[in-house]
């Protein structure tokens, strides 16, 4: 079980205080969704929508990269 959950509304990591998803959580998600990358992308897209409401001051391109850009 991970400690790297998002702390809302700042969307920081509860495990390391970095931006969520942090590097550790990204690695965990890759392992969890190893055979289901589309499901991981859908999960992260839903998180992106939630974060966009809380982080309206953050440029959309940064949020897109932060939540989805690393999934390739």
PDB file of N, CA and C in Angstrom:
ATOM      1  N   UNK A   1       0.849  -1.187   0.000  1.00  0.00           N
ATOM      2  CA  UNK A   1       0.000   0.000   0.000  1.00  0.00           C
ATOM      3  C   UNK A   1       0.891   1.245   0.000  1.00  0.00           C
ATOM      4  N   UNK A   2       0.533   2.191  -0.816  1.00  0.00           N
ATOM      5  CA  UNK A   2       1.343   3.389  -0.981  1.00  0.00           C
ATOM      6  C   UNK A   2       0.968   4.491  -0.005  1.00  0.00           C
ATOM      7  N   UNK A   3       1.938   5.324   0.293  1.00  0.00           N
ATOM      8  CA  UNK A   3       1.683   6.533   1.070  1.00  0.00           C
ATOM      9  C   UNK A   3       1.680   7.747   0.152  1.00  0.00           C
ATOM     10  N   UNK A   4       1.856   7.511  -1.131  1.00  0.00           N
ATOM     11  CA  UNK A   4       1.977   8.584  -2.110  1.00  0.00           C
ATOM     12  C   UNK A   4       0.624   8.918  -2.743  1.00  0.00           C
ATOM     13  N   UNK A   5      -0.307   9.359  -1.899  1.00  0.00           N
ATOM     14  CA  UNK A   5      -1.641   9.773  -2.331  1.00  0.00           C
ATOM     15  C   UNK A   5      -1.669  11.294  -2.464  1.00  0.00           C
ATOM     16  N   UNK A   6      -2.558  11.830  -3.297  1.00  0.00           N
ATOM     17  CA  UNK A   6      -2.627  13.285  -3.433  1.00  0.00           C
ATOM     18  C   UNK A   6      -3.251  13.938  -2.204  1.00  0.00           C
ATOM     19  N   UNK A   7      -2.658  15.043  -1.809  1.00  0.00           N
ATOM     20  CA  UNK A   7      -3.223  15.885  -0.755  1.00  0.00           C
ATOM     21  C   UNK A   7      -3.877  17.064  -1.471  1.00  0.00           C
ATOM     22  N   UNK A   8      -5.192  17.073  -1.408  1.00  0.00           N
ATOM     23  CA  UNK A   8      -5.971  18.096  -2.113  1.00  0.00           C
ATOM     24  C   UNK A   8      -6.281  19.245  -1.167  1.00  0.00           C
ATOM     25  N   UNK A   9      -6.429  20.445  -1.627  1.00  0.00           N
ATOM     26  CA  UNK A   9      -6.522  20.910  -3.002  1.00  0.00           C
ATOM     27  C   UNK A   9      -5.182  21.302  -3.617  1.00  0.00           C
ATOM     28  N   UNK A  10      -4.081  21.149  -2.900  1.00  0.00           N
ATOM     29  CA  UNK A  10      -2.777  21.550  -3.442  1.00  0.00           C
ATOM     30  C   UNK A  10      -2.197  20.523  -4.408  1.00  0.00           C
ATOM     31  N   UNK A  11      -2.696  19.295  -4.371  1.00  0.00           N
ATOM     32  CA  UNK A  11      -2.218  18.209  -5.219  1.00  0.00           C
ATOM     33  C   UNK A  11      -0.728  17.962  -5.008  1.00  0.00           C
ATOM     34  N   UNK A  12      -0.348  17.939  -3.724  1.00  0.00           N
ATOM     35  CA  UNK A  12       0.996  17.523  -3.366  1.00  0.00           C
ATOM     36  C   UNK A  12       0.928  16.075  -2.910  1.00  0.00           C
ATOM     37  N   UNK A  13       2.070  15.433  -2.851  1.00  0.00           N
ATOM     38  CA  UNK A  13       2.125  14.024  -2.482  1.00  0.00           C
ATOM     39  C   UNK A  13       2.187  13.865  -0.967  1.00  0.00           C
ATOM     40  N   UNK A  14       1.350  13.005  -0.451  1.00  0.00           N
ATOM     41  CA  UNK A  14       1.341  12.730   0.984  1.00  0.00           C
ATOM     42  C   UNK A  14       2.557  11.958   1.462  1.00  0.00           C
ATOM     43  N   UNK A  15       3.279  11.337   0.555  1.00  0.00           N
ATOM     44  CA  UNK A  15       4.446  10.544   0.922  1.00  0.00           C
ATOM     45  C   UNK A  15       5.746  11.311   0.888  1.00  0.00           C
ATOM     46  N   UNK A  16       5.872  12.257  -0.071  1.00  0.00           N
ATOM     47  CA  UNK A  16       7.162  12.939  -0.227  1.00  0.00           C
ATOM     48  C   UNK A  16       7.026  14.457  -0.366  1.00  0.00           C
ATOM     49  N   UNK A  17       5.813  14.969  -0.394  1.00  0.00           N
ATOM     50  CA  UNK A  17       5.500  16.398  -0.478  1.00  0.00           C
ATOM     51  C   UNK A  17       5.809  17.025  -1.836  1.00  0.00           C
ATOM     52  N   UNK A  18       6.140  16.228  -2.840  1.00  0.00           N
ATOM     53  CA  UNK A  18       6.337  16.754  -4.192  1.00  0.00           C
ATOM     54  C   UNK A  18       5.012  16.925  -4.897  1.00  0.00           C
ATOM     55  N   UNK A  19       5.068  17.325  -6.167  1.00  0.00           N
ATOM     56  CA  UNK A  19       3.851  17.410  -6.965  1.00  0.00           C
ATOM     57  C   UNK A  19       3.315  16.004  -7.186  1.00  0.00           C
ATOM     58  N   UNK A  20       1.987  15.847  -7.048  1.00  0.00           N
ATOM     59  CA  UNK A  20       1.381  14.540  -7.309  1.00  0.00           C
ATOM     60  C   UNK A  20       0.922  14.480  -8.744  1.00  0.00           C
ATOM     61  N   UNK A  21       1.134  13.413  -9.476  1.00  0.00           N
ATOM     62  CA  UNK A  21       1.813  12.196  -9.056  1.00  0.00           C
ATOM     63  C   UNK A  21       3.331  12.371  -9.062  1.00  0.00           C
ATOM     64  N   UNK A  22       3.942  12.013  -7.964  1.00  0.00           N
ATOM     65  CA  UNK A  22       5.387  12.115  -7.821  1.00  0.00           C
ATOM     66  C   UNK A  22       6.060  10.967  -8.576  1.00  0.00           C
ATOM     67  N   UNK A  23       7.365  11.003  -8.625  1.00  0.00           N
ATOM     68  CA  UNK A  23       8.096   9.972  -9.355  1.00  0.00           C
ATOM     69  C   UNK A  23       7.816   8.579  -8.783  1.00  0.00           C
ATOM     70  N   UNK A  24       7.759   8.474  -7.461  1.00  0.00           N
ATOM     71  CA  UNK A  24       7.471   7.176  -6.834  1.00  0.00           C
ATOM     72  C   UNK A  24       6.090   6.688  -7.221  1.00  0.00           C
ATOM     73  N   UNK A  25       5.094   7.572  -7.163  1.00  0.00           N
ATOM     74  CA  UNK A  25       3.732   7.151  -7.504  1.00  0.00           C
ATOM     75  C   UNK A  25       3.629   6.778  -8.978  1.00  0.00           C
ATOM     76  N   UNK A  26       4.347   7.492  -9.842  1.00  0.00           N
ATOM     77  CA  UNK A  26       4.348   7.143 -11.264  1.00  0.00           C
ATOM     78  C   UNK A  26       4.884   5.726 -11.458  1.00  0.00           C
ATOM     79  N   UNK A  27       5.954   5.391 -10.760  1.00  0.00           N
ATOM     80  CA  UNK A  27       6.505   4.037 -10.853  1.00  0.00           C
ATOM     81  C   UNK A  27       5.509   3.008 -10.320  1.00  0.00           C
ATOM     82  N   UNK A  28       4.859   3.340  -9.216  1.00  0.00           N
ATOM     83  CA  UNK A  28       3.856   2.425  -8.651  1.00  0.00           C
ATOM     84  C   UNK A  28       2.694   2.225  -9.619  1.00  0.00           C
ATOM     85  N   UNK A  29       2.243   3.308 -10.228  1.00  0.00           N
ATOM     86  CA  UNK A  29       1.131   3.203 -11.184  1.00  0.00           C
ATOM     87  C   UNK A  29       1.527   2.369 -12.399  1.00  0.00           C
ATOM     88  N   UNK A  30       2.738   2.558 -12.887  1.00  0.00           N
ATOM     89  CA  UNK A  30       3.204   1.733 -14.012  1.00  0.00           C
ATOM     90  C   UNK A  30       3.166   0.248 -13.647  1.00  0.00           C
ATOM     91  N   UNK A  31       3.569  -0.078 -12.436  1.00  0.00           N
ATOM     92  CA  UNK A  31       3.551  -1.473 -11.989  1.00  0.00           C
ATOM     93  C   UNK A  31       2.115  -1.972 -11.805  1.00  0.00           C
ATOM     94  N   UNK A  32       1.259  -1.154 -11.201  1.00  0.00           N
ATOM     95  CA  UNK A  32      -0.132  -1.537 -10.964  1.00  0.00           C
ATOM     96  C   UNK A  32      -0.900  -1.759 -12.267  1.00  0.00           C
ATOM     97  N   UNK A  33      -0.650  -0.918 -13.241  1.00  0.00           N
ATOM     98  CA  UNK A  33      -1.382  -0.962 -14.506  1.00  0.00           C
ATOM     99  C   UNK A  33      -0.526  -1.532 -15.640  1.00  0.00           C
ATOM    100  N   UNK A  34       0.397  -2.397 -15.293  1.00  0.00           N
ATOM    101  CA  UNK A  34       1.346  -2.947 -16.257  1.00  0.00           C
ATOM    102  C   UNK A  34       0.674  -3.475 -17.513  1.00  0.00           C
ATOM    103  N   UNK A  35      -0.412  -4.183 -17.359  1.00  0.00           N
ATOM    104  CA  UNK A  35      -1.108  -4.774 -18.512  1.00  0.00           C
ATOM    105  C   UNK A  35      -2.375  -4.016 -18.897  1.00  0.00           C
ATOM    106  N   UNK A  36      -2.533  -2.830 -18.333  1.00  0.00           N
ATOM    107  CA  UNK A  36      -3.733  -2.042 -18.626  1.00  0.00           C
ATOM    108  C   UNK A  36      -3.388  -0.556 -18.752  1.00  0.00           C
ATOM    109  N   UNK A  37      -2.545  -0.183 -19.717  1.00  0.00           N
ATOM    110  CA  UNK A  37      -2.132   1.220 -19.829  1.00  0.00           C
ATOM    111  C   UNK A  37      -3.277   2.178 -20.147  1.00  0.00           C
ATOM    112  N   UNK A  38      -4.277   1.715 -20.865  1.00  0.00           N
ATOM    113  CA  UNK A  38      -5.422   2.580 -21.164  1.00  0.00           C
ATOM    114  C   UNK A  38      -6.195   2.877 -19.884  1.00  0.00           C
ATOM    115  N   UNK A  39      -6.344   1.885 -19.042  1.00  0.00           N
ATOM    116  CA  UNK A  39      -7.023   2.094 -17.756  1.00  0.00           C
ATOM    117  C   UNK A  39      -6.254   3.090 -16.896  1.00  0.00           C
ATOM    118  N   UNK A  40      -4.931   3.002 -16.908  1.00  0.00           N
ATOM    119  CA  UNK A  40      -4.118   3.961 -16.153  1.00  0.00           C
ATOM    120  C   UNK A  40      -4.325   5.366 -16.708  1.00  0.00           C
ATOM    121  N   UNK A  41      -4.341   5.511 -18.021  1.00  0.00           N
ATOM    122  CA  UNK A  41      -4.547   6.820 -18.626  1.00  0.00           C
ATOM    123  C   UNK A  41      -5.922   7.385 -18.280  1.00  0.00           C
ATOM    124  N   UNK A  42      -6.939   6.537 -18.263  1.00  0.00           N
ATOM    125  CA  UNK A  42      -8.282   6.991 -17.887  1.00  0.00           C
ATOM    126  C   UNK A  42      -8.330   7.427 -16.427  1.00  0.00           C
ATOM    127  N   UNK A  43      -7.680   6.670 -15.549  1.00  0.00           N
ATOM    128  CA  UNK A  43      -7.605   7.039 -14.131  1.00  0.00           C
ATOM    129  C   UNK A  43      -6.921   8.396 -13.976  1.00  0.00           C
ATOM    130  N   UNK A  44      -5.786   8.555 -14.644  1.00  0.00           N
ATOM    131  CA  UNK A  44      -5.040   9.808 -14.524  1.00  0.00           C
ATOM    132  C   UNK A  44      -5.788  10.971 -15.167  1.00  0.00           C
ATOM    133  N   UNK A  45      -6.525  10.716 -16.239  1.00  0.00           N
ATOM    134  CA  UNK A  45      -7.329  11.772 -16.861  1.00  0.00           C
ATOM    135  C   UNK A  45      -8.411  12.252 -15.897  1.00  0.00           C
ATOM    136  N   UNK A  46      -9.021  11.335 -15.174  1.00  0.00           N
ATOM    137  CA  UNK A  46     -10.023  11.720 -14.176  1.00  0.00           C
ATOM    138  C   UNK A  46      -9.383  12.546 -13.064  1.00  0.00           C
ATOM    139  N   UNK A  47      -8.178  12.174 -12.651  1.00  0.00           N
ATOM    140  CA  UNK A  47      -7.469  12.941 -11.632  1.00  0.00           C
ATOM    141  C   UNK A  47      -7.121  14.334 -12.171  1.00  0.00           C
ATOM    142  N   UNK A  48      -6.754  14.396 -13.449  1.00  0.00           N
ATOM    143  CA  UNK A  48      -6.439  15.677 -14.086  1.00  0.00           C
ATOM    144  C   UNK A  48      -7.638  16.610 -14.064  1.00  0.00           C
ATOM    145  N   UNK A  49      -8.813  16.092 -14.355  1.00  0.00           N
ATOM    146  CA  UNK A  49     -10.028  16.917 -14.326  1.00  0.00           C
ATOM    147  C   UNK A  49     -10.255  17.478 -12.931  1.00  0.00           C
ATOM    148  N   UNK A  50     -10.102  16.632 -11.901  1.00  0.00           N
ATOM    149  CA  UNK A  50     -10.258  17.109 -10.519  1.00  0.00           C
ATOM    150  C   UNK A  50      -9.211  18.164 -10.183  1.00  0.00           C
ATOM    151  N   UNK A  51      -7.976  17.902 -10.572  1.00  0.00           N
ATOM    152  CA  UNK A  51      -6.887  18.831 -10.260  1.00  0.00           C
ATOM    153  C   UNK A  51      -7.065  20.163 -10.971  1.00  0.00           C
ATOM    154  N   UNK A  52      -7.581  20.133 -12.188  1.00  0.00           N
ATOM    155  CA  UNK A  52      -7.767  21.370 -12.951  1.00  0.00           C
ATOM    156  C   UNK A  52      -8.694  22.341 -12.227  1.00  0.00           C
ATOM    157  N   UNK A  53      -9.662  21.834 -11.509  1.00  0.00           N
ATOM    158  CA  UNK A  53     -10.557  22.703 -10.734  1.00  0.00           C
ATOM    159  C   UNK A  53      -9.811  23.357  -9.578  1.00  0.00           C
ATOM    160  N   UNK A  54      -8.976  22.565  -8.899  1.00  0.00           N
ATOM    161  CA  UNK A  54      -8.239  23.080  -7.742  1.00  0.00           C
ATOM    162  C   UNK A  54      -7.032  23.925  -8.134  1.00  0.00           C
ATOM    163  N   UNK A  55      -6.445  23.621  -9.272  1.00  0.00           N
ATOM    164  CA  UNK A  55      -5.210  24.286  -9.698  1.00  0.00           C
ATOM    165  C   UNK A  55      -5.440  25.161 -10.929  1.00  0.00           C
ATOM    166  N   UNK A  56      -6.481  25.951 -10.894  1.00  0.00           N
ATOM    167  CA  UNK A  56      -6.845  26.786 -12.038  1.00  0.00           C
ATOM    168  C   UNK A  56      -5.731  27.762 -12.417  1.00  0.00           C
ATOM    169  N   UNK A  57      -4.855  28.077 -11.496  1.00  0.00           N
ATOM    170  CA  UNK A  57      -3.753  29.014 -11.753  1.00  0.00           C
ATOM    171  C   UNK A  57      -2.567  28.357 -12.473  1.00  0.00           C
ATOM    172  N   UNK A  58      -2.561  27.035 -12.566  1.00  0.00           N
ATOM    173  CA  UNK A  58      -1.468  26.311 -13.211  1.00  0.00           C
ATOM    174  C   UNK A  58      -1.783  26.169 -14.699  1.00  0.00           C
ATOM    175  N   UNK A  59      -0.812  26.455 -15.569  1.00  0.00           N
ATOM    176  CA  UNK A  59      -1.079  26.328 -17.012  1.00  0.00           C
ATOM    177  C   UNK A  59      -1.535  24.918 -17.389  1.00  0.00           C
ATOM    178  N   UNK A  60      -2.500  24.853 -18.287  1.00  0.00           N
ATOM    179  CA  UNK A  60      -3.079  23.565 -18.700  1.00  0.00           C
ATOM    180  C   UNK A  60      -2.017  22.631 -19.272  1.00  0.00           C
ATOM    181  N   UNK A  61      -1.059  23.154 -20.025  1.00  0.00           N
ATOM    182  CA  UNK A  61      -0.024  22.288 -20.603  1.00  0.00           C
ATOM    183  C   UNK A  61       0.830  21.630 -19.525  1.00  0.00           C
ATOM    184  N   UNK A  62       1.059  22.344 -18.424  1.00  0.00           N
ATOM    185  CA  UNK A  62       1.822  21.758 -17.318  1.00  0.00           C
ATOM    186  C   UNK A  62       1.027  20.632 -16.664  1.00  0.00           C
ATOM    187  N   UNK A  63      -0.249  20.858 -16.440  1.00  0.00           N
ATOM    188  CA  UNK A  63      -1.077  19.821 -15.831  1.00  0.00           C
ATOM    189  C   UNK A  63      -1.188  18.590 -16.736  1.00  0.00           C
ATOM    190  N   UNK A  64      -1.348  18.826 -18.041  1.00  0.00           N
ATOM    191  CA  UNK A  64      -1.436  17.700 -18.961  1.00  0.00           C
ATOM    192  C   UNK A  64      -0.159  16.863 -18.923  1.00  0.00           C
ATOM    193  N   UNK A  65       0.984  17.510 -18.938  1.00  0.00           N
ATOM    194  CA  UNK A  65       2.236  16.772 -18.876  1.00  0.00           C
ATOM    195  C   UNK A  65       2.388  16.074 -17.520  1.00  0.00           C
ATOM    196  N   UNK A  66       2.071  16.789 -16.469  1.00  0.00           N
ATOM    197  CA  UNK A  66       2.208  16.248 -15.108  1.00  0.00           C
ATOM    198  C   UNK A  66       1.376  14.992 -14.899  1.00  0.00           C
ATOM    199  N   UNK A  67       0.158  14.988 -15.408  1.00  0.00           N
ATOM    200  CA  UNK A  67      -0.741  13.860 -15.189  1.00  0.00           C
ATOM    201  C   UNK A  67      -0.695  12.809 -16.293  1.00  0.00           C
ATOM    202  N   UNK A  68      -0.460  13.230 -17.519  1.00  0.00           N
ATOM    203  CA  UNK A  68      -0.553  12.281 -18.642  1.00  0.00           C
ATOM    204  C   UNK A  68       0.703  12.181 -19.509  1.00  0.00           C
ATOM    205  N   UNK A  69       1.483  13.204 -19.558  1.00  0.00           N
ATOM    206  CA  UNK A  69       2.610  13.248 -20.473  1.00  0.00           C
ATOM    207  C   UNK A  69       3.662  12.178 -20.244  1.00  0.00           C
ATOM    208  N   UNK A  70       3.804  11.704 -19.049  1.00  0.00           N
ATOM    209  CA  UNK A  70       4.826  10.706 -18.718  1.00  0.00           C
ATOM    210  C   UNK A  70       4.340   9.272 -18.983  1.00  0.00           C
ATOM    211  N   UNK A  71       3.095   9.100 -19.346  1.00  0.00           N
ATOM    212  CA  UNK A  71       2.527   7.747 -19.445  1.00  0.00           C
ATOM    213  C   UNK A  71       2.925   6.996 -20.703  1.00  0.00           C
ATOM    214  N   UNK A  72       3.531   7.617 -21.650  1.00  0.00           N
ATOM    215  CA  UNK A  72       3.887   6.945 -22.909  1.00  0.00           C
ATOM    216  C   UNK A  72       4.891   5.853 -22.711  1.00  0.00           C
TER     217      UNK A  72
END
